[in-house]
């Protein structure tokens, strides 16, 4: 049985809109694939960026990994940071769940690029310290919260730029 999952998302200057491909985990815990189209109109709050792109986020509950495959172009400012925010329903804004200030190795100072990385969710270093603390202080608690946020559409991937700076929140 397959069922679509949504990944609410935002990118400052390029945003992930809600589109998903994937299956609900079966007894074998099939990895869940979240697909998003990036554009400024889907940002939280929306902006006038001409940027666009795509993101594929794969969560694997057996391997405890989160894989990202992101491409973006046409940003109206240079990239300053990228991460995943979680866990509040849109149009709310919330703190950063993943590494801060940015994903390790994410292209900075550019208006287009690509990023591919797999995070080991068994490691506390894969999460923002504030998100970790707010979810039991363990990587397992943070993973569970992030997985639920993704499944319920209460997480978003955000690329911040020099033109569209980060929105401040208590947890970031």
Protein backbone atom coordinates (compact mmCIF):
# COMPACT_ATOMS: atom_id res chain seq x y z
CA UNK A 1 0.00 0.00 0.00
CA UNK A 2 1.44 3.37 -0.89
CA UNK A 3 0.49 6.74 0.46
CA UNK A 4 1.85 10.19 -0.35
CA UNK A 5 3.63 12.17 2.33
CA UNK A 6 4.12 15.92 2.26
CA UNK A 7 7.19 17.91 3.22
CA UNK A 8 6.22 21.49 3.90
CA UNK A 9 9.19 23.52 3.00
CA UNK A 10 10.65 26.91 2.48
CA UNK A 11 13.79 28.40 1.07
CA UNK A 12 14.60 32.01 1.67
CA UNK A 13 14.90 33.09 -1.93
CA UNK A 14 14.03 29.60 -3.14
CA UNK A 15 11.38 27.47 -1.55
CA UNK A 16 10.24 23.88 -1.42
CA UNK A 17 6.57 23.72 -2.20
CA UNK A 18 4.55 20.71 -1.18
CA UNK A 19 5.01 17.81 -3.56
CA UNK A 20 5.87 14.36 -2.38
CA UNK A 21 6.75 10.97 -3.69
CA UNK A 22 6.99 8.09 -1.32
CA UNK A 23 5.50 5.20 0.45
CA UNK A 24 4.38 4.81 4.00
CA UNK A 25 6.89 2.64 5.80
CA UNK A 26 5.92 -1.03 5.63
CA UNK A 27 6.99 -3.74 8.03
CA UNK A 28 10.41 -3.49 6.39
CA UNK A 29 10.49 0.27 7.07
CA UNK A 30 10.84 1.45 3.48
CA UNK A 31 12.63 4.81 3.35
CA UNK A 32 10.21 7.70 2.90
CA UNK A 33 10.95 10.04 0.00
CA UNK A 34 9.86 13.69 0.14
CA UNK A 35 10.13 15.70 -3.07
CA UNK A 36 9.73 19.46 -3.28
CA UNK A 37 9.84 22.14 -5.94
CA UNK A 38 11.69 25.29 -4.84
CA UNK A 39 10.40 28.82 -5.40
CA UNK A 40 10.14 32.16 -3.56
CA UNK A 41 6.34 32.12 -3.49
CA UNK A 42 6.43 29.06 -1.22
CA UNK A 43 8.76 30.74 1.30
CA UNK A 44 7.52 31.31 4.82
CA UNK A 45 6.63 34.20 4.48
CA UNK A 46 6.53 34.36 0.65
CA UNK A 47 9.08 36.55 -1.14
CA UNK A 48 9.73 37.85 -4.65
CA UNK A 49 12.81 35.74 -5.36
CA UNK A 50 13.18 34.44 -8.89
CA UNK A 51 15.09 31.46 -7.52
CA UNK A 52 13.98 27.93 -8.23
CA UNK A 53 15.09 24.38 -7.67
CA UNK A 54 14.22 20.94 -6.37
CA UNK A 55 14.91 18.89 -3.30
CA UNK A 56 14.66 15.20 -2.56
CA UNK A 57 14.74 14.33 1.14
CA UNK A 58 14.86 10.65 2.10
CA UNK A 59 14.26 9.56 5.67
CA UNK A 60 15.27 6.00 6.60
CA UNK A 61 14.06 4.89 10.04
CA UNK A 62 16.03 1.62 9.93
CA UNK A 63 19.39 3.14 9.01
CA UNK A 64 18.58 6.33 10.97
CA UNK A 65 19.64 8.55 8.08
CA UNK A 66 18.37 11.67 6.36
CA UNK A 67 19.60 12.10 2.79
CA UNK A 68 19.35 15.40 0.93
CA UNK A 69 19.71 16.03 -2.79
CA UNK A 70 19.13 19.75 -3.47
CA UNK A 71 19.62 21.80 -6.64
CA UNK A 72 18.88 25.51 -6.94
CA UNK A 73 19.46 28.39 -9.37
CA UNK A 74 18.47 31.98 -10.02
CA UNK A 75 18.68 33.17 -6.42
CA UNK A 76 18.49 36.95 -6.06
CA UNK A 77 21.17 36.97 -3.36
CA UNK A 78 24.15 34.81 -2.43
CA UNK A 79 23.60 31.76 -0.20
CA UNK A 80 24.47 32.35 3.45
CA UNK A 81 22.98 29.22 5.09
CA UNK A 82 20.70 26.23 4.55
CA UNK A 83 18.99 23.89 7.02
CA UNK A 84 15.69 22.26 7.94
CA UNK A 85 13.26 23.97 10.29
CA UNK A 86 10.84 21.88 12.31
CA UNK A 87 8.15 21.39 13.80
CA UNK A 88 5.22 23.76 13.40
CA UNK A 89 2.39 23.97 10.90
CA UNK A 90 2.57 26.54 8.11
CA UNK A 91 2.36 29.52 8.07
CA UNK A 92 4.22 29.45 11.37
CA UNK A 93 7.97 29.83 11.54
CA UNK A 94 10.09 27.77 13.90
CA UNK A 95 13.68 27.07 14.90
CA UNK A 96 16.24 25.00 13.07
CA UNK A 97 16.20 21.22 13.58
CA UNK A 98 19.37 20.29 11.66
CA UNK A 99 22.94 21.50 11.94
CA UNK A 100 23.44 25.25 12.33
CA UNK A 101 24.11 27.65 10.94
CA UNK A 102 24.12 25.54 7.77
CA UNK A 103 24.37 22.03 6.41
CA UNK A 104 28.04 20.99 6.33
CA UNK A 105 29.47 21.68 2.87
CA UNK A 106 26.40 23.49 1.54
CA UNK A 107 27.52 25.91 -1.23
CA UNK A 108 27.86 29.44 0.16
CA UNK A 109 28.25 32.78 -1.62
CA UNK A 110 26.57 31.51 -4.79
CA UNK A 111 23.24 32.01 -6.56
CA UNK A 112 23.03 28.46 -7.93
CA UNK A 113 24.39 25.09 -7.00
CA UNK A 114 23.78 21.56 -5.83
CA UNK A 115 24.09 19.72 -2.53
CA UNK A 116 24.04 16.03 -1.71
CA UNK A 117 24.65 14.64 1.77
CA UNK A 118 23.46 11.92 4.11
CA UNK A 119 23.16 12.66 7.81
CA UNK A 120 23.58 10.02 10.52
CA UNK A 121 20.63 10.71 12.81
CA UNK A 122 22.22 8.57 15.54
CA UNK A 123 24.65 11.45 16.08
CA UNK A 124 23.69 14.48 18.15
CA UNK A 125 25.87 16.58 15.83
CA UNK A 126 23.27 16.10 13.06
CA UNK A 127 20.90 18.38 14.99
CA UNK A 128 20.78 21.95 16.26
CA UNK A 129 21.61 21.87 20.00
CA UNK A 130 18.39 23.73 20.88
CA UNK A 131 16.27 21.25 18.87
CA UNK A 132 18.09 18.34 20.51
CA UNK A 133 17.49 19.78 24.00
CA UNK A 134 13.80 20.47 23.25
CA UNK A 135 13.31 16.82 22.25
CA UNK A 136 14.68 14.93 25.21
CA UNK A 137 18.35 15.80 24.80
CA UNK A 138 19.06 12.70 22.71
CA UNK A 139 19.59 12.06 19.03
CA UNK A 140 16.78 9.46 19.19
CA UNK A 141 14.34 12.04 20.55
CA UNK A 142 15.38 14.62 17.96
CA UNK A 143 15.10 12.05 15.14
CA UNK A 144 11.60 11.06 16.27
CA UNK A 145 10.49 14.71 16.37
CA UNK A 146 11.98 15.47 12.95
CA UNK A 147 10.48 12.31 11.40
CA UNK A 148 7.05 13.23 12.75
CA UNK A 149 7.42 16.83 11.59
CA UNK A 150 8.32 15.67 8.08
CA UNK A 151 5.45 13.18 7.97
CA UNK A 152 2.93 15.77 9.15
CA UNK A 153 4.15 18.53 6.83
CA UNK A 154 5.49 20.65 9.70
CA UNK A 155 9.10 20.93 8.48
CA UNK A 156 10.68 22.97 5.74
CA UNK A 157 14.07 23.22 4.09
CA UNK A 158 15.29 26.80 3.96
CA UNK A 159 18.11 28.38 1.93
CA UNK A 160 18.96 31.80 3.31
CA UNK A 161 20.58 34.45 1.11
CA UNK A 162 22.10 37.90 1.49
CA UNK A 163 18.87 39.39 0.13
CA UNK A 164 16.42 37.28 2.13
CA UNK A 165 17.98 36.86 5.58
CA UNK A 166 16.95 34.37 8.22
CA UNK A 167 13.79 34.90 10.19
CA UNK A 168 14.72 34.97 13.87
CA UNK A 169 13.10 32.44 16.16
CA UNK A 170 13.56 31.36 19.73
CA UNK A 171 15.02 27.97 18.83
CA UNK A 172 17.51 29.04 16.16
